[in-house]
Amino acid sequence: YFIQFKQQKTKGVEMMPISEQAYSLLGERKEPTDNVFEGLTYSAYENKHLYQWIGAAGITKDIKFHCFRHTFAVLQLSMGTQITTLQKMLTHKDLKTTMIYAKVMDSAKREASNKISLEF
């Protein structure tokens, strides 16, 4: 299963594979020009529906749309996805951009290594 979309920055058309589970959550197939989630404005700036969903989930942190991309990237890396594969999934032209997420993983590893200490 794939989702085809137009990249906002580059205006290029992308094909993104999605999992069987994600496909099952989409519900009944709609027209190719219809939004997947009705009422959701695809905007990084103003999205009251997104904020309502976050609030309903009890999350009080200020969440922006980019947080979802960041979480996706870090989860993919933590599950063993290769950095070059992630680069393609995030549609980054330059691997340096994707490497930012690898640095997040490195700091998480450092933090985890300091969680266990022996008392002398």
PDB file of N, CA and C in Angstrom:
ATOM      1  N   TYR A   1       0.837  -1.179   0.000  1.00  0.00           N
ATOM      2  CA  TYR A   1       0.000   0.000   0.000  1.00  0.00           C
ATOM      3  C   TYR A   1       0.880   1.240   0.000  1.00  0.00           C
ATOM      4  N   PHE A   2       0.436   2.247  -0.739  1.00  0.00           N
ATOM      5  CA  PHE A   2       1.182   3.494  -0.863  1.00  0.00           C
ATOM      6  C   PHE A   2       0.246   4.684  -0.718  1.00  0.00           C
ATOM      7  N   ILE A   3       0.813   5.782  -0.244  1.00  0.00           N
ATOM      8  CA  ILE A   3       0.124   7.066  -0.271  1.00  0.00           C
ATOM      9  C   ILE A   3       0.925   7.953  -1.208  1.00  0.00           C
ATOM     10  N   GLN A   4       0.249   8.561  -2.152  1.00  0.00           N
ATOM     11  CA  GLN A   4       0.896   9.481  -3.083  1.00  0.00           C
ATOM     12  C   GLN A   4       0.559  10.897  -2.636  1.00  0.00           C
ATOM     13  N   PHE A   5       1.580  11.747  -2.562  1.00  0.00           N
ATOM     14  CA  PHE A   5       1.348  13.119  -2.110  1.00  0.00           C
ATOM     15  C   PHE A   5       2.308  14.072  -2.797  1.00  0.00           C
ATOM     16  N   LYS A   6       1.938  15.333  -2.760  1.00  0.00           N
ATOM     17  CA  LYS A   6       2.776  16.379  -3.338  1.00  0.00           C
ATOM     18  C   LYS A   6       3.566  17.033  -2.208  1.00  0.00           C
ATOM     19  N   GLN A   7       4.875  16.988  -2.325  1.00  0.00           N
ATOM     20  CA  GLN A   7       5.756  17.576  -1.320  1.00  0.00           C
ATOM     21  C   GLN A   7       5.603  19.090  -1.354  1.00  0.00           C
ATOM     22  N   GLN A   8       5.327  19.689  -0.185  1.00  0.00           N
ATOM     23  CA  GLN A   8       5.042  21.114  -0.127  1.00  0.00           C
ATOM     24  C   GLN A   8       6.258  21.961  -0.518  1.00  0.00           C
ATOM     25  N   LYS A   9       7.450  21.599  -0.008  1.00  0.00           N
ATOM     26  CA  LYS A   9       8.635  22.408  -0.292  1.00  0.00           C
ATOM     27  C   LYS A   9       9.094  22.301  -1.740  1.00  0.00           C
ATOM     28  N   THR A  10       9.201  21.064  -2.236  1.00  0.00           N
ATOM     29  CA  THR A  10       9.785  20.843  -3.561  1.00  0.00           C
ATOM     30  C   THR A  10       8.756  20.771  -4.671  1.00  0.00           C
ATOM     31  N   LYS A  11       7.477  20.626  -4.303  1.00  0.00           N
ATOM     32  CA  LYS A  11       6.375  20.453  -5.256  1.00  0.00           C
ATOM     33  C   LYS A  11       6.459  19.116  -6.013  1.00  0.00           C
ATOM     34  N   GLY A  12       7.388  18.264  -5.618  1.00  0.00           N
ATOM     35  CA  GLY A  12       7.524  16.955  -6.252  1.00  0.00           C
ATOM     36  C   GLY A  12       6.478  15.982  -5.731  1.00  0.00           C
ATOM     37  N   VAL A  13       6.065  15.050  -6.573  1.00  0.00           N
ATOM     38  CA  VAL A  13       5.106  14.023  -6.177  1.00  0.00           C
ATOM     39  C   VAL A  13       5.879  12.842  -5.604  1.00  0.00           C
ATOM     40  N   GLU A  14       5.475  12.392  -4.429  1.00  0.00           N
ATOM     41  CA  GLU A  14       6.152  11.306  -3.727  1.00  0.00           C
ATOM     42  C   GLU A  14       5.198  10.130  -3.531  1.00  0.00           C
ATOM     43  N   MET A  15       5.753   8.935  -3.475  1.00  0.00           N
ATOM     44  CA  MET A  15       5.006   7.720  -3.149  1.00  0.00           C
ATOM     45  C   MET A  15       5.593   7.163  -1.859  1.00  0.00           C
ATOM     46  N   MET A  16       4.769   7.090  -0.815  1.00  0.00           N
ATOM     47  CA  MET A  16       5.233   6.611   0.471  1.00  0.00           C
ATOM     48  C   MET A  16       4.544   5.293   0.801  1.00  0.00           C
ATOM     49  N   PRO A  17       5.331   4.228   1.009  1.00  0.00           N
ATOM     50  CA  PRO A  17       4.700   2.968   1.413  1.00  0.00           C
ATOM     51  C   PRO A  17       4.151   3.102   2.832  1.00  0.00           C
ATOM     52  N   ILE A  18       3.024   2.448   3.085  1.00  0.00           N
ATOM     53  CA  ILE A  18       2.458   2.432   4.429  1.00  0.00           C
ATOM     54  C   ILE A  18       2.233   0.985   4.848  1.00  0.00           C
ATOM     55  N   SER A  19       2.200   0.765   6.139  1.00  0.00           N
ATOM     56  CA  SER A  19       2.042  -0.590   6.668  1.00  0.00           C
ATOM     57  C   SER A  19       0.612  -1.092   6.496  1.00  0.00           C
ATOM     58  N   GLU A  20       0.455  -2.395   6.629  1.00  0.00           N
ATOM     59  CA  GLU A  20      -0.885  -3.003   6.588  1.00  0.00           C
ATOM     60  C   GLU A  20      -1.760  -2.403   7.696  1.00  0.00           C
ATOM     61  N   GLN A  21      -1.172  -2.198   8.873  1.00  0.00           N
ATOM     62  CA  GLN A  21      -1.929  -1.646   9.994  1.00  0.00           C
ATOM     63  C   GLN A  21      -2.405  -0.226   9.668  1.00  0.00           C
ATOM     64  N   ALA A  22      -1.514   0.595   9.123  1.00  0.00           N
ATOM     65  CA  ALA A  22      -1.907   1.963   8.759  1.00  0.00           C
ATOM     66  C   ALA A  22      -3.015   1.932   7.721  1.00  0.00           C
ATOM     67  N   TYR A  23      -2.905   1.040   6.757  1.00  0.00           N
ATOM     68  CA  TYR A  23      -3.930   0.925   5.727  1.00  0.00           C
ATOM     69  C   TYR A  23      -5.280   0.557   6.333  1.00  0.00           C
ATOM     70  N   SER A  24      -5.261  -0.357   7.299  1.00  0.00           N
ATOM     71  CA  SER A  24      -6.525  -0.794   7.914  1.00  0.00           C
ATOM     72  C   SER A  24      -7.186   0.337   8.696  1.00  0.00           C
ATOM     73  N   LEU A  25      -6.416   1.308   9.163  1.00  0.00           N
ATOM     74  CA  LEU A  25      -6.965   2.433   9.923  1.00  0.00           C
ATOM     75  C   LEU A  25      -7.547   3.520   9.024  1.00  0.00           C
ATOM     76  N   LEU A  26      -7.274   3.476   7.737  1.00  0.00           N
ATOM     77  CA  LEU A  26      -7.743   4.506   6.818  1.00  0.00           C
ATOM     78  C   LEU A  26      -9.245   4.440   6.560  1.00  0.00           C
ATOM     79  N   GLY A  27      -9.833   3.281   6.762  1.00  0.00           N
ATOM     80  CA  GLY A  27     -11.261   3.142   6.505  1.00  0.00           C
ATOM     81  C   GLY A  27     -11.547   2.952   5.030  1.00  0.00           C
ATOM     82  N   GLU A  28     -12.775   3.261   4.648  1.00  0.00           N
ATOM     83  CA  GLU A  28     -13.218   3.058   3.272  1.00  0.00           C
ATOM     84  C   GLU A  28     -12.453   3.963   2.302  1.00  0.00           C
ATOM     85  N   ARG A  29     -12.100   3.404   1.156  1.00  0.00           N
ATOM     86  CA  ARG A  29     -11.353   4.163   0.149  1.00  0.00           C
ATOM     87  C   ARG A  29     -12.190   5.330  -0.367  1.00  0.00           C
ATOM     88  N   LYS A  30     -11.517   6.476  -0.513  1.00  0.00           N
ATOM     89  CA  LYS A  30     -12.176   7.685  -1.001  1.00  0.00           C
ATOM     90  C   LYS A  30     -11.612   8.032  -2.374  1.00  0.00           C
ATOM     91  N   GLU A  31     -12.010   9.181  -2.868  1.00  0.00           N
ATOM     92  CA  GLU A  31     -11.483   9.663  -4.139  1.00  0.00           C
ATOM     93  C   GLU A  31     -10.017  10.067  -3.961  1.00  0.00           C
ATOM     94  N   PRO A  32      -9.195   9.897  -4.995  1.00  0.00           N
ATOM     95  CA  PRO A  32      -7.763  10.231  -4.875  1.00  0.00           C
ATOM     96  C   PRO A  32      -7.492  11.679  -4.460  1.00  0.00           C
ATOM     97  N   THR A  33      -8.402  12.582  -4.747  1.00  0.00           N
ATOM     98  CA  THR A  33      -8.188  13.992  -4.397  1.00  0.00           C
ATOM     99  C   THR A  33      -8.702  14.350  -3.003  1.00  0.00           C
ATOM    100  N   ASP A  34      -9.404  13.413  -2.340  1.00  0.00           N
ATOM    101  CA  ASP A  34      -9.937  13.676  -1.003  1.00  0.00           C
ATOM    102  C   ASP A  34      -8.838  13.569   0.046  1.00  0.00           C
ATOM    103  N   ASN A  35      -8.973  14.368   1.115  1.00  0.00           N
ATOM    104  CA  ASN A  35      -8.058  14.253   2.246  1.00  0.00           C
ATOM    105  C   ASN A  35      -8.331  12.950   2.981  1.00  0.00           C
ATOM    106  N   VAL A  36      -7.298  12.392   3.580  1.00  0.00           N
ATOM    107  CA  VAL A  36      -7.455  11.158   4.352  1.00  0.00           C
ATOM    108  C   VAL A  36      -8.301  11.428   5.592  1.00  0.00           C
ATOM    109  N   PHE A  37      -8.026  12.533   6.278  1.00  0.00           N
ATOM    110  CA  PHE A  37      -8.760  12.890   7.487  1.00  0.00           C
ATOM    111  C   PHE A  37      -9.580  14.141   7.202  1.00  0.00           C
ATOM    112  N   GLU A  38     -10.902  13.982   7.105  1.00  0.00           N
ATOM    113  CA  GLU A  38     -11.778  15.122   6.826  1.00  0.00           C
ATOM    114  C   GLU A  38     -11.704  16.119   7.979  1.00  0.00           C
ATOM    115  N   GLY A  39     -11.704  17.386   7.639  1.00  0.00           N
ATOM    116  CA  GLY A  39     -11.672  18.440   8.648  1.00  0.00           C
ATOM    117  C   GLY A  39     -10.283  18.791   9.127  1.00  0.00           C
ATOM    118  N   LEU A  40      -9.284  18.022   8.751  1.00  0.00           N
ATOM    119  CA  LEU A  40      -7.914  18.292   9.167  1.00  0.00           C
ATOM    120  C   LEU A  40      -7.238  19.133   8.093  1.00  0.00           C
ATOM    121  N   THR A  41      -6.846  20.331   8.471  1.00  0.00           N
ATOM    122  CA  THR A  41      -6.134  21.199   7.551  1.00  0.00           C
ATOM    123  C   THR A  41      -4.666  20.805   7.572  1.00  0.00           C
ATOM    124  N   TYR A  42      -4.113  20.504   6.446  1.00  0.00           N
ATOM    125  CA  TYR A  42      -2.724  20.079   6.372  1.00  0.00           C
ATOM    126  C   TYR A  42      -1.845  21.317   6.400  1.00  0.00           C
ATOM    127  N   SER A  43      -1.530  21.774   7.607  1.00  0.00           N
ATOM    128  CA  SER A  43      -0.774  23.003   7.795  1.00  0.00           C
ATOM    129  C   SER A  43       0.144  22.852   8.991  1.00  0.00           C
ATOM    130  N   ALA A  44       1.370  23.326   8.839  1.00  0.00           N
ATOM    131  CA  ALA A  44       2.316  23.281   9.951  1.00  0.00           C
ATOM    132  C   ALA A  44       2.060  24.422  10.938  1.00  0.00           C
ATOM    133  N   TYR A  45       1.229  25.372  10.579  1.00  0.00           N
ATOM    134  CA  TYR A  45       1.042  26.570  11.396  1.00  0.00           C
ATOM    135  C   TYR A  45      -0.236  26.549  12.230  1.00  0.00           C
ATOM    136  N   GLU A  46      -1.344  26.452  11.581  1.00  0.00           N
ATOM    137  CA  GLU A  46      -2.610  26.516  12.297  1.00  0.00           C
ATOM    138  C   GLU A  46      -3.429  25.258  12.024  1.00  0.00           C
ATOM    139  N   ASN A  47      -3.728  24.520  13.069  1.00  0.00           N
ATOM    140  CA  ASN A  47      -4.528  23.325  12.897  1.00  0.00           C
ATOM    141  C   ASN A  47      -5.315  23.054  14.171  1.00  0.00           C
ATOM    142  N   LYS A  48      -6.477  23.652  14.287  1.00  0.00           N
ATOM    143  CA  LYS A  48      -7.239  23.533  15.533  1.00  0.00           C
ATOM    144  C   LYS A  48      -7.693  22.105  15.801  1.00  0.00           C
ATOM    145  N   HIS A  49      -7.983  21.322  14.761  1.00  0.00           N
ATOM    146  CA  HIS A  49      -8.396  19.932  14.985  1.00  0.00           C
ATOM    147  C   HIS A  49      -7.268  19.125  15.618  1.00  0.00           C
ATOM    148  N   LEU A  50      -6.071  19.342  15.138  1.00  0.00           N
ATOM    149  CA  LEU A  50      -4.913  18.642  15.690  1.00  0.00           C
ATOM    150  C   LEU A  50      -4.743  19.000  17.169  1.00  0.00           C
ATOM    151  N   TYR A  51      -4.860  20.280  17.498  1.00  0.00           N
ATOM    152  CA  TYR A  51      -4.726  20.718  18.887  1.00  0.00           C
ATOM    153  C   TYR A  51      -5.845  20.147  19.760  1.00  0.00           C
ATOM    154  N   GLN A  52      -7.045  20.024  19.179  1.00  0.00           N
ATOM    155  CA  GLN A  52      -8.153  19.439  19.938  1.00  0.00           C
ATOM    156  C   GLN A  52      -7.875  17.966  20.236  1.00  0.00           C
ATOM    157  N   TRP A  53      -7.346  17.234  19.245  1.00  0.00           N
ATOM    158  CA  TRP A  53      -7.026  15.818  19.453  1.00  0.00           C
ATOM    159  C   TRP A  53      -5.946  15.668  20.517  1.00  0.00           C
ATOM    160  N   ILE A  54      -4.951  16.516  20.466  1.00  0.00           N
ATOM    161  CA  ILE A  54      -3.859  16.462  21.440  1.00  0.00           C
ATOM    162  C   ILE A  54      -4.398  16.762  22.834  1.00  0.00           C
ATOM    163  N   GLY A  55      -5.246  17.777  22.934  1.00  0.00           N
ATOM    164  CA  GLY A  55      -5.847  18.121  24.225  1.00  0.00           C
ATOM    165  C   GLY A  55      -6.720  17.004  24.763  1.00  0.00           C
ATOM    166  N   ALA A  56      -7.498  16.376  23.880  1.00  0.00           N
ATOM    167  CA  ALA A  56      -8.376  15.278  24.294  1.00  0.00           C
ATOM    168  C   ALA A  56      -7.570  14.083  24.807  1.00  0.00           C
ATOM    169  N   ALA A  57      -6.331  13.964  24.318  1.00  0.00           N
ATOM    170  CA  ALA A  57      -5.458  12.878  24.773  1.00  0.00           C
ATOM    171  C   ALA A  57      -4.785  13.214  26.104  1.00  0.00           C
ATOM    172  N   GLY A  58      -5.032  14.436  26.610  1.00  0.00           N
ATOM    173  CA  GLY A  58      -4.456  14.827  27.888  1.00  0.00           C
ATOM    174  C   GLY A  58      -3.021  15.335  27.785  1.00  0.00           C
ATOM    175  N   ILE A  59      -2.574  15.639  26.584  1.00  0.00           N
ATOM    176  CA  ILE A  59      -1.203  16.130  26.383  1.00  0.00           C
ATOM    177  C   ILE A  59      -1.220  17.646  26.528  1.00  0.00           C
ATOM    178  N   THR A  60      -0.388  18.157  27.430  1.00  0.00           N
ATOM    179  CA  THR A  60      -0.355  19.596  27.675  1.00  0.00           C
ATOM    180  C   THR A  60       0.836  20.279  27.013  1.00  0.00           C
ATOM    181  N   LYS A  61       1.771  19.501  26.508  1.00  0.00           N
ATOM    182  CA  LYS A  61       2.945  20.062  25.839  1.00  0.00           C
ATOM    183  C   LYS A  61       2.518  20.744  24.531  1.00  0.00           C
ATOM    184  N   ASP A  62       3.222  21.803  24.149  1.00  0.00           N
ATOM    185  CA  ASP A  62       2.945  22.507  22.901  1.00  0.00           C
ATOM    186  C   ASP A  62       3.460  21.656  21.739  1.00  0.00           C
ATOM    187  N   ILE A  63       2.568  20.977  21.047  1.00  0.00           N
ATOM    188  CA  ILE A  63       2.925  20.075  19.957  1.00  0.00           C
ATOM    189  C   ILE A  63       2.686  20.765  18.626  1.00  0.00           C
ATOM    190  N   LYS A  64       3.675  20.725  17.779  1.00  0.00           N
ATOM    191  CA  LYS A  64       3.554  21.245  16.413  1.00  0.00           C
ATOM    192  C   LYS A  64       3.603  20.056  15.451  1.00  0.00           C
ATOM    193  N   PHE A  65       3.177  20.289  14.216  1.00  0.00           N
ATOM    194  CA  PHE A  65       3.131  19.219  13.229  1.00  0.00           C
ATOM    195  C   PHE A  65       4.497  18.553  13.059  1.00  0.00           C
ATOM    196  N   HIS A  66       5.572  19.345  13.099  1.00  0.00           N
ATOM    197  CA  HIS A  66       6.911  18.796  12.889  1.00  0.00           C
ATOM    198  C   HIS A  66       7.292  17.784  13.969  1.00  0.00           C
ATOM    199  N   CYS A  67       6.685  17.884  15.149  1.00  0.00           N
ATOM    200  CA  CYS A  67       6.954  16.918  16.224  1.00  0.00           C
ATOM    201  C   CYS A  67       6.625  15.489  15.780  1.00  0.00           C
ATOM    202  N   PHE A  68       5.588  15.346  14.952  1.00  0.00           N
ATOM    203  CA  PHE A  68       5.214  14.015  14.462  1.00  0.00           C
ATOM    204  C   PHE A  68       6.297  13.446  13.553  1.00  0.00           C
ATOM    205  N   ARG A  69       6.862  14.293  12.678  1.00  0.00           N
ATOM    206  CA  ARG A  69       7.962  13.855  11.807  1.00  0.00           C
ATOM    207  C   ARG A  69       9.169  13.463  12.650  1.00  0.00           C
ATOM    208  N   HIS A  70       9.459  14.266  13.656  1.00  0.00           N
ATOM    209  CA  HIS A  70      10.610  14.002  14.524  1.00  0.00           C
ATOM    210  C   HIS A  70      10.431  12.665  15.250  1.00  0.00           C
ATOM    211  N   THR A  71       9.251  12.465  15.826  1.00  0.00           N
ATOM    212  CA  THR A  71       8.970  11.214  16.537  1.00  0.00           C
ATOM    213  C   THR A  71       9.061  10.021  15.584  1.00  0.00           C
ATOM    214  N   PHE A  72       8.497  10.161  14.395  1.00  0.00           N
ATOM    215  CA  PHE A  72       8.565   9.099  13.394  1.00  0.00           C
ATOM    216  C   PHE A  72      10.016   8.754  13.090  1.00  0.00           C
ATOM    217  N   ALA A  73      10.837   9.767  12.863  1.00  0.00           N
ATOM    218  CA  ALA A  73      12.245   9.538  12.503  1.00  0.00           C
ATOM    219  C   ALA A  73      13.006   8.840  13.631  1.00  0.00           C
ATOM    220  N   VAL A  74      12.833   9.315  14.846  1.00  0.00           N
ATOM    221  CA  VAL A  74      13.551   8.726  15.976  1.00  0.00           C
ATOM    222  C   VAL A  74      13.084   7.296  16.220  1.00  0.00           C
ATOM    223  N   LEU A  75      11.781   7.042  16.115  1.00  0.00           N
ATOM    224  CA  LEU A  75      11.280   5.671  16.288  1.00  0.00           C
ATOM    225  C   LEU A  75      11.820   4.744  15.197  1.00  0.00           C
ATOM    226  N   GLN A  76      11.850   5.227  13.958  1.00  0.00           N
ATOM    227  CA  GLN A  76      12.384   4.401  12.872  1.00  0.00           C
ATOM    228  C   GLN A  76      13.846   4.030  13.148  1.00  0.00           C
ATOM    229  N   LEU A  77      14.649   4.992  13.544  1.00  0.00           N
ATOM    230  CA  LEU A  77      16.061   4.715  13.833  1.00  0.00           C
ATOM    231  C   LEU A  77      16.212   3.771  15.021  1.00  0.00           C
ATOM    232  N   SER A  78      15.387   3.976  16.052  1.00  0.00           N
ATOM    233  CA  SER A  78      15.489   3.107  17.232  1.00  0.00           C
ATOM    234  C   SER A  78      15.070   1.673  16.914  1.00  0.00           C
ATOM    235  N   MET A  79      14.252   1.502  15.867  1.00  0.00           N
ATOM    236  CA  MET A  79      13.836   0.158  15.468  1.00  0.00           C
ATOM    237  C   MET A  79      14.765  -0.450  14.415  1.00  0.00           C
ATOM    238  N   GLY A  80      15.858   0.263  14.095  1.00  0.00           N
ATOM    239  CA  GLY A  80      16.873  -0.307  13.205  1.00  0.00           C
ATOM    240  C   GLY A  80      16.784   0.086  11.743  1.00  0.00           C
ATOM    241  N   THR A  81      15.921   1.022  11.400  1.00  0.00           N
ATOM    242  CA  THR A  81      15.836   1.475  10.005  1.00  0.00           C
ATOM    243  C   THR A  81      17.141   2.156   9.614  1.00  0.00           C
ATOM    244  N   GLN A  82      17.657   1.827   8.445  1.00  0.00           N
ATOM    245  CA  GLN A  82      18.895   2.433   7.977  1.00  0.00           C
ATOM    246  C   GLN A  82      18.685   3.919   7.719  1.00  0.00           C
ATOM    247  N   ILE A  83      19.728   4.698   7.976  1.00  0.00           N
ATOM    248  CA  ILE A  83      19.633   6.145   7.834  1.00  0.00           C
ATOM    249  C   ILE A  83      19.313   6.563   6.397  1.00  0.00           C
ATOM    250  N   THR A  84      19.819   5.827   5.413  1.00  0.00           N
ATOM    251  CA  THR A  84      19.535   6.177   4.014  1.00  0.00           C
ATOM    252  C   THR A  84      18.081   5.874   3.656  1.00  0.00           C
ATOM    253  N   THR A  85      17.518   4.837   4.256  1.00  0.00           N
ATOM    254  CA  THR A  85      16.100   4.533   4.042  1.00  0.00           C
ATOM    255  C   THR A  85      15.248   5.626   4.669  1.00  0.00           C
ATOM    256  N   LEU A  86      15.610   6.035   5.873  1.00  0.00           N
ATOM    257  CA  LEU A  86      14.881   7.109   6.547  1.00  0.00           C
ATOM    258  C   LEU A  86      14.969   8.403   5.741  1.00  0.00           C
ATOM    259  N   GLN A  87      16.123   8.671   5.170  1.00  0.00           N
ATOM    260  CA  GLN A  87      16.296   9.854   4.327  1.00  0.00           C
ATOM    261  C   GLN A  87      15.255   9.877   3.213  1.00  0.00           C
ATOM    262  N   LYS A  88      15.068   8.736   2.568  1.00  0.00           N
ATOM    263  CA  LYS A  88      14.092   8.652   1.484  1.00  0.00           C
ATOM    264  C   LYS A  88      12.666   8.797   2.013  1.00  0.00           C
ATOM    265  N   MET A  89      12.387   8.203   3.172  1.00  0.00           N
ATOM    266  CA  MET A  89      11.039   8.278   3.738  1.00  0.00           C
ATOM    267  C   MET A  89      10.675   9.706   4.146  1.00  0.00           C
ATOM    268  N   LEU A  90      11.675  10.462   4.595  1.00  0.00           N
ATOM    269  CA  LEU A  90      11.427  11.846   4.993  1.00  0.00           C
ATOM    270  C   LEU A  90      11.570  12.803   3.813  1.00  0.00           C
ATOM    271  N   THR A  91      11.927  12.261   2.679  1.00  0.00           N
ATOM    272  CA  THR A  91      12.152  13.003   1.421  1.00  0.00           C
ATOM    273  C   THR A  91      13.198  14.107   1.582  1.00  0.00           C
ATOM    274  N   HIS A  92      14.257  13.794   2.341  1.00  0.00           N
ATOM    275  CA  HIS A  92      15.378  14.720   2.464  1.00  0.00           C
ATOM    276  C   HIS A  92      16.301  14.543   1.268  1.00  0.00           C
ATOM    277  N   LYS A  93      16.680  15.626   0.634  1.00  0.00           N
ATOM    278  CA  LYS A  93      17.627  15.548  -0.487  1.00  0.00           C
ATOM    279  C   LYS A  93      19.040  15.305   0.009  1.00  0.00           C
ATOM    280  N   ASP A  94      19.360  15.864   1.168  1.00  0.00           N
ATOM    281  CA  ASP A  94      20.719  15.786   1.708  1.00  0.00           C
ATOM    282  C   ASP A  94      20.729  14.893   2.949  1.00  0.00           C
ATOM    283  N   LEU A  95      21.625  13.936   2.975  1.00  0.00           N
ATOM    284  CA  LEU A  95      21.721  13.019   4.111  1.00  0.00           C
ATOM    285  C   LEU A  95      22.063  13.767   5.406  1.00  0.00           C
ATOM    286  N   LYS A  96      22.743  14.892   5.301  1.00  0.00           N
ATOM    287  CA  LYS A  96      23.094  15.683   6.489  1.00  0.00           C
ATOM    288  C   LYS A  96      21.842  16.081   7.266  1.00  0.00           C
ATOM    289  N   THR A  97      20.770  16.372   6.561  1.00  0.00           N
ATOM    290  CA  THR A  97      19.517  16.749   7.218  1.00  0.00           C
ATOM    291  C   THR A  97      18.992  15.587   8.049  1.00  0.00           C
ATOM    292  N   THR A  98      19.055  14.385   7.519  1.00  0.00           N
ATOM    293  CA  THR A  98      18.567  13.193   8.211  1.00  0.00           C
ATOM    294  C   THR A  98      19.476  12.839   9.390  1.00  0.00           C
ATOM    295  N   MET A  99      20.762  13.139   9.265  1.00  0.00           N
ATOM    296  CA  MET A  99      21.729  12.803  10.313  1.00  0.00           C
ATOM    297  C   MET A  99      21.420  13.510  11.631  1.00  0.00           C
ATOM    298  N   ILE A 100      20.636  14.580  11.593  1.00  0.00           N
ATOM    299  CA  ILE A 100      20.229  15.271  12.828  1.00  0.00           C
ATOM    300  C   ILE A 100      19.533  14.277  13.760  1.00  0.00           C
ATOM    301  N   TYR A 101      18.716  13.399  13.171  1.00  0.00           N
ATOM    302  CA  TYR A 101      17.988  12.427  13.982  1.00  0.00           C
ATOM    303  C   TYR A 101      18.918  11.355  14.547  1.00  0.00           C
ATOM    304  N   ALA A 102      19.966  11.031  13.826  1.00  0.00           N
ATOM    305  CA  ALA A 102      20.947  10.073  14.327  1.00  0.00           C
ATOM    306  C   ALA A 102      21.665  10.656  15.537  1.00  0.00           C
ATOM    307  N   LYS A 103      21.911  11.965  15.523  1.00  0.00           N
ATOM    308  CA  LYS A 103      22.552  12.616  16.668  1.00  0.00           C
ATOM    309  C   LYS A 103      21.643  12.567  17.885  1.00  0.00           C
ATOM    310  N   VAL A 104      20.332  12.680  17.679  1.00  0.00           N
ATOM    311  CA  VAL A 104      19.372  12.547  18.780  1.00  0.00           C
ATOM    312  C   VAL A 104      19.503  11.162  19.385  1.00  0.00           C
ATOM    313  N   MET A 105      19.633  10.154  18.532  1.00  0.00           N
ATOM    314  CA  MET A 105      19.778   8.773  19.015  1.00  0.00           C
ATOM    315  C   MET A 105      21.077   8.617  19.798  1.00  0.00           C
ATOM    316  N   ASP A 106      22.163   9.245  19.341  1.00  0.00           N
ATOM    317  CA  ASP A 106      23.438   9.165  20.051  1.00  0.00           C
ATOM    318  C   ASP A 106      23.321   9.758  21.448  1.00  0.00           C
ATOM    319  N   SER A 107      22.648  10.897  21.574  1.00  0.00           N
ATOM    320  CA  SER A 107      22.498  11.513  22.894  1.00  0.00           C
ATOM    321  C   SER A 107      21.611  10.647  23.791  1.00  0.00           C
ATOM    322  N   ALA A 108      20.608   9.992  23.202  1.00  0.00           N
ATOM    323  CA  ALA A 108      19.745   9.094  23.984  1.00  0.00           C
ATOM    324  C   ALA A 108      20.548   7.903  24.502  1.00  0.00           C
ATOM    325  N   LYS A 109      21.460   7.397  23.685  1.00  0.00           N
ATOM    326  CA  LYS A 109      22.327   6.287  24.110  1.00  0.00           C
ATOM    327  C   LYS A 109      23.235   6.730  25.252  1.00  0.00           C
ATOM    328  N   ARG A 110      23.797   7.946  25.123  1.00  0.00           N
ATOM    329  CA  ARG A 110      24.672   8.468  26.180  1.00  0.00           C
ATOM    330  C   ARG A 110      23.893   8.604  27.483  1.00  0.00           C
ATOM    331  N   GLU A 111      22.696   9.158  27.394  1.00  0.00           N
ATOM    332  CA  GLU A 111      21.866   9.340  28.575  1.00  0.00           C
ATOM    333  C   GLU A 111      21.535   7.995  29.213  1.00  0.00           C
ATOM    334  N   ALA A 112      21.204   7.002  28.387  1.00  0.00           N
ATOM    335  CA  ALA A 112      20.867   5.671  28.901  1.00  0.00           C
ATOM    336  C   ALA A 112      22.070   5.020  29.579  1.00  0.00           C
ATOM    337  N   SER A 113      23.255   5.231  29.027  1.00  0.00           N
ATOM    338  CA  SER A 113      24.448   4.596  29.613  1.00  0.00           C
ATOM    339  C   SER A 113      24.752   5.145  31.004  1.00  0.00           C
ATOM    340  N   ASN A 114      24.303   6.340  31.307  1.00  0.00           N
ATOM    341  CA  ASN A 114      24.556   6.937  32.622  1.00  0.00           C
ATOM    342  C   ASN A 114      23.463   6.630  33.639  1.00  0.00           C
ATOM    343  N   LYS A 115      22.447   5.889  33.261  1.00  0.00           N
ATOM    344  CA  LYS A 115      21.349   5.593  34.179  1.00  0.00           C
ATOM    345  C   LYS A 115      21.721   4.561  35.239  1.00  0.00           C
ATOM    346  N   ILE A 116      22.697   3.737  34.945  1.00  0.00           N
ATOM    347  CA  ILE A 116      23.122   2.708  35.908  1.00  0.00           C
ATOM    348  C   ILE A 116      24.476   3.112  36.470  1.00  0.00           C
ATOM    349  N   SER A 117      24.531   3.208  37.790  1.00  0.00           N
ATOM    350  CA  SER A 117      25.805   3.496  38.446  1.00  0.00           C
ATOM    351  C   SER A 117      25.916   2.633  39.698  1.00  0.00           C
ATOM    352  N   LEU A 118      27.106   2.265  40.013  1.00  0.00           N
ATOM    353  CA  LEU A 118      27.366   1.436  41.191  1.00  0.00           C
ATOM    354  C   LEU A 118      27.721   2.324  42.378  1.00  0.00           C
ATOM    355  N   GLU A 119      27.226   1.990  43.537  1.00  0.00           N
ATOM    356  CA  GLU A 119      27.540   2.725  44.764  1.00  0.00           C
ATOM    357  C   GLU A 119      28.777   2.104  45.371  1.00  0.00           C
ATOM    358  N   PHE A 120      29.754   2.911  45.736  1.00  0.00           N
ATOM    359  CA  PHE A 120      30.987   2.424  46.400  1.00  0.00           C
ATOM    360  C   PHE A 120      31.065   2.909  47.826  1.00  0.00           C
TER     361      PHE A 120
END
